[in-house]
Amino acid sequence: MRIKRFEDIEAWQLARELTRKVYGLTKKAKFTRDFGLKKQIQDAAGSSKGFIGSRFGAS
């Protein structure tokens, strides 16, 4: 299978799913009071997806 878009990369797809799960978990009451921790966890989850996408096509 040839990868034409970064969205075709399995690692990116898994990172997207991880990001969705993290955002779902951080919407719960335990995170609503600690905005800094919530943002840090969400940013960390999203950065893996962004890194894979940014490196796609780079030689």
Foldseek 3Di string as FASTA:
>chain_A
DDDDALCPDPQLVVLVVQLVVLLVVCVDPVNPVPVPVSVVSNCVSVVSNVVSRVCVPPD
